[in-house]
N, C-alpha and C. Protein backbone atom coordinates (compact mmCIF):
# COMPACT_ATOMS: atom_id res chain seq x y z
N UNK A 1 0.84 -1.19 0.00
CA UNK A 1 0.00 0.00 0.00
C UNK A 1 0.88 1.25 0.00
N UNK A 2 1.86 1.21 0.89
CA UNK A 2 2.74 2.38 0.98
C UNK A 2 3.50 2.58 -0.33
N UNK A 3 4.13 1.50 -0.81
CA UNK A 3 4.93 1.60 -2.03
C UNK A 3 4.07 1.87 -3.26
N UNK A 4 2.96 1.11 -3.39
CA UNK A 4 2.14 1.17 -4.61
C UNK A 4 1.25 2.40 -4.70
N UNK A 5 0.92 3.00 -3.57
CA UNK A 5 0.00 4.14 -3.62
C UNK A 5 0.59 5.41 -2.99
N UNK A 6 0.96 5.32 -1.72
CA UNK A 6 1.42 6.52 -1.03
C UNK A 6 2.68 7.10 -1.68
N UNK A 7 3.71 6.25 -1.79
CA UNK A 7 4.96 6.74 -2.36
C UNK A 7 4.82 7.03 -3.85
N UNK A 8 4.16 6.15 -4.57
CA UNK A 8 4.01 6.29 -6.02
C UNK A 8 3.33 7.61 -6.40
N UNK A 9 2.30 7.99 -5.65
CA UNK A 9 1.53 9.19 -5.98
C UNK A 9 1.83 10.38 -5.07
N UNK A 10 2.83 10.23 -4.20
CA UNK A 10 3.20 11.34 -3.33
C UNK A 10 2.12 11.74 -2.34
N UNK A 11 1.43 10.74 -1.79
CA UNK A 11 0.33 11.00 -0.86
C UNK A 11 0.85 10.93 0.57
N UNK A 12 0.44 11.88 1.39
CA UNK A 12 0.81 11.88 2.81
C UNK A 12 -0.24 11.11 3.59
N UNK A 13 0.21 10.36 4.60
CA UNK A 13 -0.69 9.57 5.44
C UNK A 13 -0.71 10.18 6.83
N UNK A 14 -1.93 10.43 7.32
CA UNK A 14 -2.13 10.96 8.67
C UNK A 14 -2.88 9.91 9.46
N UNK A 15 -2.48 9.70 10.72
CA UNK A 15 -3.11 8.68 11.55
C UNK A 15 -3.35 9.19 12.95
N UNK A 16 -4.33 8.61 13.61
CA UNK A 16 -4.61 8.91 15.01
C UNK A 16 -5.78 9.86 15.17
N UNK A 17 -6.23 10.01 16.41
CA UNK A 17 -7.37 10.88 16.70
C UNK A 17 -7.01 12.34 16.48
N UNK A 18 -5.79 12.71 16.86
CA UNK A 18 -5.28 14.04 16.54
C UNK A 18 -4.28 13.77 15.43
N UNK A 19 -4.74 13.80 14.18
CA UNK A 19 -3.96 13.28 13.05
C UNK A 19 -2.50 13.74 13.04
N UNK A 20 -1.62 12.74 13.03
CA UNK A 20 -0.18 12.97 12.92
C UNK A 20 0.28 12.43 11.59
N UNK A 21 1.08 13.23 10.89
CA UNK A 21 1.61 12.79 9.60
C UNK A 21 2.69 11.75 9.84
N UNK A 22 2.60 10.63 9.11
CA UNK A 22 3.62 9.59 9.19
C UNK A 22 4.72 9.97 8.20
N UNK A 23 5.94 10.07 8.71
CA UNK A 23 7.07 10.46 7.87
C UNK A 23 7.83 9.19 7.46
N UNK A 24 7.53 8.68 6.28
CA UNK A 24 8.14 7.45 5.82
C UNK A 24 9.60 7.65 5.41
N UNK A 25 10.03 8.89 5.28
CA UNK A 25 11.44 9.16 4.97
C UNK A 25 12.31 8.99 6.22
N UNK A 26 11.68 9.07 7.39
CA UNK A 26 12.40 8.88 8.66
C UNK A 26 12.40 7.37 8.95
N UNK A 27 13.58 6.76 8.91
CA UNK A 27 13.71 5.31 9.05
C UNK A 27 13.08 4.78 10.35
N UNK A 28 13.32 5.46 11.47
CA UNK A 28 12.76 5.01 12.76
C UNK A 28 11.24 5.03 12.73
N UNK A 29 10.68 6.12 12.25
CA UNK A 29 9.22 6.26 12.19
C UNK A 29 8.62 5.23 11.24
N UNK A 30 9.29 4.97 10.14
CA UNK A 30 8.83 3.99 9.16
C UNK A 30 8.82 2.58 9.75
N UNK A 31 9.88 2.21 10.46
CA UNK A 31 9.96 0.88 11.08
C UNK A 31 8.89 0.73 12.16
N UNK A 32 8.73 1.74 12.99
CA UNK A 32 7.71 1.69 14.05
C UNK A 32 6.32 1.54 13.43
N UNK A 33 6.05 2.28 12.36
CA UNK A 33 4.75 2.18 11.67
C UNK A 33 4.55 0.75 11.16
N UNK A 34 5.59 0.16 10.54
CA UNK A 34 5.49 -1.20 10.02
C UNK A 34 5.21 -2.21 11.15
N UNK A 35 5.88 -2.05 12.28
CA UNK A 35 5.68 -2.96 13.41
C UNK A 35 4.26 -2.84 13.96
N UNK A 36 3.80 -1.62 14.15
CA UNK A 36 2.43 -1.40 14.67
C UNK A 36 1.40 -1.96 13.71
N UNK A 37 1.61 -1.75 12.41
CA UNK A 37 0.67 -2.27 11.40
C UNK A 37 0.64 -3.80 11.44
N UNK A 38 1.81 -4.41 11.55
CA UNK A 38 1.88 -5.87 11.58
C UNK A 38 1.20 -6.43 12.83
N UNK A 39 1.38 -5.79 13.97
CA UNK A 39 0.71 -6.23 15.20
C UNK A 39 -0.80 -6.12 15.05
N UNK A 40 -1.28 -5.02 14.47
CA UNK A 40 -2.72 -4.84 14.26
C UNK A 40 -3.27 -5.91 13.33
N UNK A 41 -2.52 -6.25 12.27
CA UNK A 41 -2.96 -7.31 11.36
C UNK A 41 -3.05 -8.65 12.08
N UNK A 42 -2.06 -8.93 12.92
CA UNK A 42 -2.04 -10.18 13.67
C UNK A 42 -3.23 -10.26 14.63
N UNK A 43 -3.52 -9.16 15.33
CA UNK A 43 -4.66 -9.13 16.25
C UNK A 43 -5.97 -9.33 15.50
N UNK A 44 -6.11 -8.72 14.34
CA UNK A 44 -7.32 -8.89 13.53
C UNK A 44 -7.49 -10.35 13.11
N UNK A 45 -6.39 -10.98 12.70
CA UNK A 45 -6.45 -12.38 12.29
C UNK A 45 -6.90 -13.27 13.45
N UNK A 46 -6.33 -13.04 14.65
CA UNK A 46 -6.73 -13.82 15.82
C UNK A 46 -8.19 -13.59 16.17
N UNK A 47 -8.65 -12.34 16.06
CA UNK A 47 -10.05 -12.01 16.38
C UNK A 47 -10.99 -12.73 15.40
N UNK A 48 -10.63 -12.76 14.13
CA UNK A 48 -11.44 -13.45 13.12
C UNK A 48 -11.49 -14.95 13.42
N UNK A 49 -10.35 -15.52 13.76
CA UNK A 49 -10.30 -16.96 14.07
C UNK A 49 -11.15 -17.30 15.29
N UNK A 50 -11.08 -16.46 16.34
CA UNK A 50 -11.91 -16.68 17.54
C UNK A 50 -13.39 -16.60 17.18
N UNK A 51 -13.73 -15.62 16.35
CA UNK A 51 -15.12 -15.46 15.94
C UNK A 51 -15.59 -16.69 15.16
N UNK A 52 -14.76 -17.18 14.24
CA UNK A 52 -15.10 -18.38 13.47
C UNK A 52 -15.32 -19.58 14.39
N UNK A 53 -14.39 -19.76 15.37
CA UNK A 53 -14.54 -20.88 16.31
C UNK A 53 -15.84 -20.76 17.09
N UNK A 54 -16.17 -19.53 17.50
CA UNK A 54 -17.42 -19.30 18.23
C UNK A 54 -18.64 -19.65 17.39
N UNK A 55 -18.63 -19.24 16.12
CA UNK A 55 -19.75 -19.55 15.22
C UNK A 55 -19.88 -21.06 15.02
N UNK A 56 -18.75 -21.71 14.81
CA UNK A 56 -18.78 -23.16 14.61
C UNK A 56 -19.33 -23.86 15.85
N UNK A 57 -18.91 -23.42 17.02
CA UNK A 57 -19.40 -24.02 18.27
C UNK A 57 -20.91 -23.81 18.42
N UNK A 58 -21.38 -22.59 18.12
CA UNK A 58 -22.82 -22.31 18.20
C UNK A 58 -23.59 -23.20 17.23
N UNK A 59 -23.06 -23.36 16.02
CA UNK A 59 -23.74 -24.20 15.03
C UNK A 59 -23.77 -25.66 15.47
N UNK A 60 -22.67 -26.15 16.02
CA UNK A 60 -22.64 -27.54 16.51
C UNK A 60 -23.68 -27.74 17.61
N UNK A 61 -23.76 -26.78 18.53
CA UNK A 61 -24.73 -26.87 19.62
C UNK A 61 -26.16 -26.82 19.09
N UNK A 62 -26.40 -25.97 18.10
CA UNK A 62 -27.75 -25.85 17.52
C UNK A 62 -28.16 -27.16 16.87
N UNK A 63 -27.25 -27.76 16.11
CA UNK A 63 -27.55 -29.03 15.45
C UNK A 63 -27.79 -30.12 16.48
N UNK A 64 -26.94 -30.19 17.50
CA UNK A 64 -27.06 -31.22 18.54
C UNK A 64 -28.36 -31.09 19.33
N UNK A 65 -28.78 -29.85 19.61
CA UNK A 65 -29.99 -29.63 20.41
C UNK A 65 -31.24 -29.49 19.54
N UNK A 66 -31.06 -29.58 18.23
CA UNK A 66 -32.17 -29.46 17.28
C UNK A 66 -32.89 -28.11 17.42
N UNK A 67 -32.10 -27.05 17.68
CA UNK A 67 -32.65 -25.69 17.78
C UNK A 67 -32.04 -24.84 16.68
N UNK A 68 -32.74 -23.79 16.35
CA UNK A 68 -32.19 -22.85 15.39
C UNK A 68 -31.30 -21.86 16.13
N UNK A 69 -30.32 -21.33 15.42
CA UNK A 69 -29.46 -20.31 16.00
C UNK A 69 -29.29 -19.22 14.96
N UNK A 70 -29.57 -18.00 15.36
CA UNK A 70 -29.43 -16.86 14.47
C UNK A 70 -28.00 -16.35 14.55
N UNK A 71 -27.30 -16.30 13.43
CA UNK A 71 -25.87 -15.97 13.41
C UNK A 71 -25.59 -14.51 13.09
N UNK A 72 -26.59 -13.68 12.95
CA UNK A 72 -26.37 -12.26 12.69
C UNK A 72 -26.66 -11.89 11.24
N UNK A 73 -26.49 -10.62 10.95
CA UNK A 73 -26.76 -10.13 9.60
C UNK A 73 -28.25 -9.86 9.43
N UNK A 74 -28.64 -9.63 8.19
CA UNK A 74 -30.05 -9.41 7.88
C UNK A 74 -30.74 -10.75 7.77
N UNK A 75 -31.81 -10.92 8.49
CA UNK A 75 -32.55 -12.19 8.45
C UNK A 75 -33.15 -12.40 7.07
N UNK A 76 -33.24 -13.66 6.67
CA UNK A 76 -33.89 -14.01 5.42
C UNK A 76 -35.31 -13.47 5.45
N UNK A 77 -35.76 -12.88 4.33
CA UNK A 77 -37.12 -12.33 4.26
C UNK A 77 -38.11 -13.43 4.64
N UNK A 78 -39.03 -13.11 5.54
CA UNK A 78 -39.99 -14.09 6.03
C UNK A 78 -39.66 -14.54 7.45
N UNK A 79 -38.45 -14.19 7.89
CA UNK A 79 -38.00 -14.57 9.23
C UNK A 79 -37.49 -13.34 9.98
N UNK A 80 -37.30 -13.53 11.28
CA UNK A 80 -36.71 -12.47 12.10
C UNK A 80 -35.90 -13.12 13.21
N UNK A 81 -35.07 -12.31 13.82
CA UNK A 81 -34.26 -12.75 14.95
C UNK A 81 -35.03 -12.42 16.22
N UNK A 82 -35.32 -13.45 16.99
CA UNK A 82 -35.97 -13.24 18.27
C UNK A 82 -35.19 -14.02 19.32
N UNK A 83 -34.49 -13.30 20.18
CA UNK A 83 -33.64 -13.93 21.20
C UNK A 83 -32.62 -14.89 20.58
N UNK A 84 -32.00 -14.45 19.49
CA UNK A 84 -30.97 -15.22 18.77
C UNK A 84 -31.50 -16.54 18.23
N UNK A 85 -32.80 -16.58 17.95
CA UNK A 85 -33.45 -17.74 17.34
C UNK A 85 -34.18 -17.28 16.08
N UNK A 86 -34.28 -18.16 15.10
CA UNK A 86 -35.05 -17.87 13.89
C UNK A 86 -36.53 -18.00 14.21
N UNK A 87 -37.29 -16.96 13.92
CA UNK A 87 -38.74 -17.00 14.10
C UNK A 87 -39.39 -16.52 12.81
N UNK A 88 -40.54 -17.08 12.50
CA UNK A 88 -41.27 -16.66 11.30
C UNK A 88 -41.87 -15.28 11.56
N UNK A 89 -41.69 -14.39 10.61
CA UNK A 89 -42.29 -13.05 10.64
C UNK A 89 -43.64 -13.18 9.94
N UNK A 90 -44.71 -13.12 10.70
CA UNK A 90 -46.06 -13.41 10.18
C UNK A 90 -46.46 -12.50 9.02
N UNK A 91 -46.11 -11.22 9.07
CA UNK A 91 -46.46 -10.30 7.99
C UNK A 91 -45.74 -10.68 6.70
N UNK A 92 -44.45 -10.98 6.81
CA UNK A 92 -43.66 -11.33 5.62
C UNK A 92 -43.98 -12.75 5.14
N UNK A 93 -44.33 -13.63 6.06
CA UNK A 93 -44.64 -15.02 5.70
C UNK A 93 -45.74 -15.08 4.64
N UNK A 94 -46.77 -14.25 4.79
CA UNK A 94 -47.88 -14.31 3.83
C UNK A 94 -47.41 -13.92 2.42
N UNK A 95 -46.41 -13.01 2.34
CA UNK A 95 -45.91 -12.59 1.03
C UNK A 95 -44.98 -13.64 0.43
N UNK A 96 -44.23 -14.33 1.27
CA UNK A 96 -43.38 -15.42 0.77
C UNK A 96 -44.28 -16.50 0.19
N UNK A 97 -45.34 -16.88 0.92
CA UNK A 97 -46.28 -17.89 0.42
C UNK A 97 -46.92 -17.41 -0.88
N UNK A 98 -47.30 -16.14 -0.92
CA UNK A 98 -47.93 -15.59 -2.12
C UNK A 98 -46.98 -15.70 -3.32
N UNK A 99 -45.69 -15.37 -3.11
CA UNK A 99 -44.71 -15.44 -4.21
C UNK A 99 -44.59 -16.86 -4.76
N UNK A 100 -44.46 -17.83 -3.87
CA UNK A 100 -44.34 -19.22 -4.32
C UNK A 100 -45.61 -19.67 -5.04
N UNK A 101 -46.78 -19.32 -4.48
CA UNK A 101 -48.04 -19.69 -5.13
C UNK A 101 -48.17 -19.03 -6.49
N UNK A 102 -47.84 -17.75 -6.57
CA UNK A 102 -47.96 -17.01 -7.83
C UNK A 102 -47.05 -17.60 -8.89
N UNK A 103 -45.83 -17.90 -8.54
CA UNK A 103 -44.90 -18.45 -9.52
C UNK A 103 -45.33 -19.85 -9.94
N UNK A 104 -45.79 -20.62 -8.97
CA UNK A 104 -46.24 -21.98 -9.28
C UNK A 104 -47.44 -21.96 -10.23
N UNK A 105 -48.28 -20.92 -10.12
CA UNK A 105 -49.47 -20.80 -10.99
C UNK A 105 -49.15 -20.15 -12.33
N UNK A 106 -47.88 -19.81 -12.55
CA UNK A 106 -47.51 -19.31 -13.88
C UNK A 106 -47.15 -17.85 -13.99
N UNK A 107 -47.21 -17.09 -12.89
CA UNK A 107 -46.82 -15.69 -12.99
C UNK A 107 -45.30 -15.60 -13.14
N UNK A 108 -44.85 -14.60 -13.87
CA UNK A 108 -43.42 -14.41 -14.09
C UNK A 108 -42.82 -13.65 -12.90
N UNK A 109 -41.48 -13.62 -12.87
CA UNK A 109 -40.80 -12.85 -11.83
C UNK A 109 -41.19 -11.38 -11.93
N UNK A 110 -41.33 -10.90 -13.16
CA UNK A 110 -41.71 -9.49 -13.36
C UNK A 110 -43.13 -9.23 -12.85
N UNK A 111 -44.04 -10.17 -13.10
CA UNK A 111 -45.42 -10.04 -12.59
C UNK A 111 -45.42 -9.96 -11.06
N UNK A 112 -44.62 -10.83 -10.45
CA UNK A 112 -44.54 -10.87 -8.98
C UNK A 112 -43.97 -9.56 -8.46
N UNK A 113 -42.89 -9.10 -9.07
CA UNK A 113 -42.26 -7.84 -8.68
C UNK A 113 -43.26 -6.70 -8.77
N UNK A 114 -43.95 -6.60 -9.90
CA UNK A 114 -44.91 -5.51 -10.10
C UNK A 114 -46.04 -5.55 -9.06
N UNK A 115 -46.52 -6.75 -8.74
CA UNK A 115 -47.59 -6.87 -7.75
C UNK A 115 -47.10 -6.43 -6.36
N UNK A 116 -45.90 -6.89 -5.97
CA UNK A 116 -45.36 -6.51 -4.66
C UNK A 116 -45.18 -4.99 -4.58
N UNK A 117 -44.66 -4.39 -5.65
CA UNK A 117 -44.46 -2.94 -5.69
C UNK A 117 -45.80 -2.21 -5.61
N UNK A 118 -46.78 -2.69 -6.37
CA UNK A 118 -48.10 -2.06 -6.39
C UNK A 118 -48.78 -2.14 -5.02
N UNK A 119 -48.57 -3.25 -4.34
CA UNK A 119 -49.19 -3.45 -3.01
C UNK A 119 -48.41 -2.74 -1.90
N UNK A 120 -47.25 -2.18 -2.24
CA UNK A 120 -46.45 -1.47 -1.24
C UNK A 120 -45.79 -2.39 -0.22
N UNK A 121 -45.51 -3.63 -0.62
CA UNK A 121 -44.86 -4.58 0.28
C UNK A 121 -43.42 -4.10 0.49
N UNK A 122 -43.06 -3.94 1.74
CA UNK A 122 -41.74 -3.40 2.08
C UNK A 122 -40.63 -4.40 1.80
N UNK A 123 -39.54 -3.89 1.23
CA UNK A 123 -38.35 -4.71 1.01
C UNK A 123 -37.46 -4.58 2.23
N UNK A 124 -36.43 -5.39 2.27
CA UNK A 124 -35.50 -5.33 3.39
C UNK A 124 -34.36 -4.35 3.16
N UNK A 125 -33.91 -4.24 1.91
CA UNK A 125 -32.66 -3.52 1.69
C UNK A 125 -32.72 -2.37 0.71
N UNK A 126 -33.62 -2.37 -0.24
CA UNK A 126 -33.56 -1.33 -1.27
C UNK A 126 -33.99 0.01 -0.72
N UNK A 127 -33.24 1.03 -1.06
CA UNK A 127 -33.59 2.39 -0.60
C UNK A 127 -34.81 2.91 -1.35
N UNK A 128 -35.03 2.42 -2.57
CA UNK A 128 -36.18 2.88 -3.35
C UNK A 128 -37.48 2.27 -2.84
N UNK A 129 -37.38 1.16 -2.10
CA UNK A 129 -38.58 0.48 -1.63
C UNK A 129 -39.18 -0.44 -2.68
N UNK A 130 -38.54 -0.53 -3.85
CA UNK A 130 -39.04 -1.38 -4.93
C UNK A 130 -38.34 -2.74 -4.90
N UNK A 131 -39.07 -3.76 -5.30
CA UNK A 131 -38.53 -5.11 -5.32
C UNK A 131 -37.61 -5.29 -6.52
N UNK A 132 -36.66 -6.20 -6.36
CA UNK A 132 -35.70 -6.52 -7.40
C UNK A 132 -36.00 -7.95 -7.86
N UNK A 133 -36.02 -8.17 -9.18
CA UNK A 133 -36.35 -9.51 -9.68
C UNK A 133 -35.30 -10.54 -9.28
N UNK A 134 -34.04 -10.13 -9.15
CA UNK A 134 -32.99 -11.06 -8.71
C UNK A 134 -33.26 -11.51 -7.28
N UNK A 135 -33.71 -10.60 -6.43
CA UNK A 135 -34.03 -10.94 -5.05
C UNK A 135 -35.17 -11.97 -5.03
N UNK A 136 -36.18 -11.74 -5.83
CA UNK A 136 -37.32 -12.67 -5.89
C UNK A 136 -36.84 -14.04 -6.38
N UNK A 137 -36.01 -14.04 -7.41
CA UNK A 137 -35.46 -15.30 -7.94
C UNK A 137 -34.70 -16.05 -6.83
N UNK A 138 -33.85 -15.33 -6.09
CA UNK A 138 -33.09 -15.97 -5.01
C UNK A 138 -34.01 -16.49 -3.91
N UNK A 139 -35.07 -15.74 -3.62
CA UNK A 139 -36.02 -16.20 -2.61
C UNK A 139 -36.68 -17.50 -3.06
N UNK A 140 -37.08 -17.56 -4.32
CA UNK A 140 -37.73 -18.76 -4.84
C UNK A 140 -36.77 -19.96 -4.87
N UNK A 141 -35.48 -19.70 -4.81
CA UNK A 141 -34.48 -20.76 -4.77
C UNK A 141 -34.01 -21.09 -3.36
N UNK A 142 -34.54 -20.40 -2.36
CA UNK A 142 -34.05 -20.55 -0.99
C UNK A 142 -34.78 -21.67 -0.25
N UNK A 143 -34.05 -22.75 -0.02
CA UNK A 143 -34.63 -23.94 0.61
C UNK A 143 -34.99 -23.71 2.08
N UNK A 144 -34.48 -22.64 2.68
CA UNK A 144 -34.80 -22.34 4.08
C UNK A 144 -36.30 -22.29 4.30
N UNK A 145 -37.04 -21.81 3.31
CA UNK A 145 -38.50 -21.69 3.46
C UNK A 145 -39.19 -23.03 3.70
N UNK A 146 -38.49 -24.14 3.42
CA UNK A 146 -39.07 -25.47 3.67
C UNK A 146 -38.88 -25.93 5.11
N UNK A 147 -38.19 -25.11 5.92
CA UNK A 147 -38.04 -25.43 7.34
C UNK A 147 -36.65 -25.93 7.74
N UNK A 148 -35.72 -25.99 6.79
CA UNK A 148 -34.35 -26.40 7.12
C UNK A 148 -33.41 -25.31 6.61
N UNK A 149 -32.65 -24.73 7.53
CA UNK A 149 -31.68 -23.69 7.16
C UNK A 149 -30.29 -24.30 7.21
N UNK A 150 -29.49 -24.02 6.19
CA UNK A 150 -28.14 -24.57 6.10
C UNK A 150 -27.12 -23.44 6.07
N UNK A 151 -26.07 -23.61 6.86
CA UNK A 151 -24.96 -22.66 6.90
C UNK A 151 -23.71 -23.42 6.49
N UNK A 152 -22.98 -22.88 5.50
CA UNK A 152 -21.74 -23.51 5.04
C UNK A 152 -20.56 -22.69 5.55
N UNK A 153 -19.64 -23.35 6.23
CA UNK A 153 -18.42 -22.71 6.70
C UNK A 153 -17.28 -23.15 5.79
N UNK A 154 -16.85 -22.23 4.94
CA UNK A 154 -15.85 -22.54 3.92
C UNK A 154 -14.53 -22.99 4.53
N UNK A 155 -14.11 -22.34 5.61
CA UNK A 155 -12.81 -22.62 6.21
C UNK A 155 -12.64 -24.08 6.57
N UNK A 156 -13.70 -24.71 7.05
CA UNK A 156 -13.61 -26.12 7.44
C UNK A 156 -14.37 -27.02 6.46
N UNK A 157 -14.88 -26.41 5.39
CA UNK A 157 -15.62 -27.14 4.35
C UNK A 157 -16.68 -28.07 4.96
N UNK A 158 -17.51 -27.46 5.79
CA UNK A 158 -18.57 -28.23 6.45
C UNK A 158 -19.85 -27.43 6.45
N UNK A 159 -20.95 -28.14 6.32
CA UNK A 159 -22.23 -27.46 6.38
C UNK A 159 -23.01 -27.95 7.59
N UNK A 160 -23.76 -27.01 8.17
CA UNK A 160 -24.58 -27.28 9.34
C UNK A 160 -26.02 -26.98 8.97
N UNK A 161 -26.93 -27.87 9.29
CA UNK A 161 -28.35 -27.66 9.01
C UNK A 161 -29.15 -27.79 10.29
N UNK A 162 -30.15 -26.93 10.43
CA UNK A 162 -31.03 -26.99 11.59
C UNK A 162 -32.42 -26.53 11.19
N UNK A 163 -33.39 -26.90 12.02
CA UNK A 163 -34.78 -26.57 11.72
C UNK A 163 -35.09 -25.11 12.03
N UNK A 164 -35.91 -24.54 11.15
CA UNK A 164 -36.50 -23.22 11.36
C UNK A 164 -37.98 -23.35 11.03
N UNK A 165 -38.75 -22.32 11.30
CA UNK A 165 -40.17 -22.37 10.98
C UNK A 165 -40.39 -22.60 9.49
N UNK A 166 -41.30 -23.52 9.18
CA UNK A 166 -41.60 -23.86 7.79
C UNK A 166 -42.62 -22.86 7.24
N UNK A 167 -42.34 -22.31 6.06
CA UNK A 167 -43.27 -21.38 5.42
C UNK A 167 -43.97 -22.05 4.23
N UNK A 168 -43.23 -22.88 3.49
CA UNK A 168 -43.83 -23.61 2.37
C UNK A 168 -43.48 -25.09 2.48
N UNK A 169 -44.16 -25.91 1.73
CA UNK A 169 -43.89 -27.35 1.76
C UNK A 169 -42.71 -27.68 0.84
N UNK A 170 -42.10 -28.81 1.10
CA UNK A 170 -41.00 -29.28 0.26
C UNK A 170 -41.52 -29.54 -1.15
N UNK A 171 -42.71 -30.10 -1.27
CA UNK A 171 -43.25 -30.40 -2.61
C UNK A 171 -43.48 -29.11 -3.40
N UNK A 172 -43.96 -28.05 -2.76
CA UNK A 172 -44.14 -26.79 -3.47
C UNK A 172 -42.78 -26.22 -3.88
N UNK A 173 -41.80 -26.29 -2.98
CA UNK A 173 -40.46 -25.82 -3.30
C UNK A 173 -39.92 -26.55 -4.53
N UNK A 174 -40.06 -27.88 -4.54
CA UNK A 174 -39.57 -28.68 -5.67
C UNK A 174 -40.31 -28.34 -6.96
N UNK A 175 -41.60 -28.12 -6.86
CA UNK A 175 -42.39 -27.73 -8.04
C UNK A 175 -41.89 -26.40 -8.61
N UNK A 176 -41.63 -25.43 -7.74
CA UNK A 176 -41.14 -24.12 -8.18
C UNK A 176 -39.75 -24.26 -8.78
N UNK A 177 -38.91 -25.16 -8.21
CA UNK A 177 -37.56 -25.35 -8.77
C UNK A 177 -37.64 -25.89 -10.19
N UNK A 178 -38.56 -26.83 -10.43
CA UNK A 178 -38.72 -27.38 -11.78
C UNK A 178 -39.16 -26.29 -12.75
N UNK A 179 -40.09 -25.44 -12.33
CA UNK A 179 -40.56 -24.34 -13.19
C UNK A 179 -39.43 -23.34 -13.46
N UNK A 180 -38.66 -23.01 -12.43
CA UNK A 180 -37.53 -22.09 -12.62
C UNK A 180 -36.53 -22.66 -13.61
N UNK A 181 -36.25 -23.95 -13.47
CA UNK A 181 -35.30 -24.61 -14.37
C UNK A 181 -35.83 -24.62 -15.80
N UNK A 182 -37.11 -24.96 -15.99
CA UNK A 182 -37.72 -24.95 -17.33
C UNK A 182 -37.66 -23.55 -17.93
N UNK A 183 -38.02 -22.56 -17.14
CA UNK A 183 -38.03 -21.18 -17.65
C UNK A 183 -36.62 -20.71 -18.02
N UNK A 184 -35.61 -21.12 -17.25
CA UNK A 184 -34.23 -20.76 -17.59
C UNK A 184 -33.78 -21.46 -18.86
N UNK A 185 -34.19 -22.72 -19.05
CA UNK A 185 -33.86 -23.43 -20.28
C UNK A 185 -34.50 -22.76 -21.48
N UNK A 186 -35.73 -22.27 -21.31
CA UNK A 186 -36.44 -21.59 -22.41
C UNK A 186 -35.71 -20.30 -22.79
N UNK A 187 -35.17 -19.60 -21.78
CA UNK A 187 -34.45 -18.34 -22.04
C UNK A 187 -33.21 -18.58 -22.85
N UNK A 188 -32.53 -19.73 -22.60
CA UNK A 188 -31.28 -20.02 -23.28
C UNK A 188 -31.47 -20.37 -24.75
N UNK A 189 -32.66 -20.66 -25.18
CA UNK A 189 -32.90 -21.06 -26.58
C UNK A 189 -33.02 -19.88 -27.49
């Protein structure tokens, strides 16, 4: 970073609450900066590893006790975090069911999007408040709605599955997957 950006473009770096300019031309100051940076990187790495171990332990306990465990972030649409457990959000649940039913009956992703927008159904993330067809597509592909949520931990190449509230049936999910696959094949032609 220092060589490729700061030195290359003649940029000064200021650090701290009362910003102090780092003088990389001063050998002592440069070495001290490198040591402090390396220590901070090492601490961050250890903190990430501890967090990963904690998540893995929570997931193991959830699977063993047959309970759901909410791991943070934005909850999947249709669910909410209640006391660090997955709970069905009753208001959103009806819209998730409606989306699966509508798609199963032949409505397109665009039809579903337009209906949700027209009805003023709130989204989770868009600032415009309008639904995104990619989001709807991902929701229709999300097996969590069948009552089993899966978390994959890449570092240990292991997946953990546990029960959550069921919003749709497995047979409806499979039916929608077949329709999505057929519709994607039709697009490719």
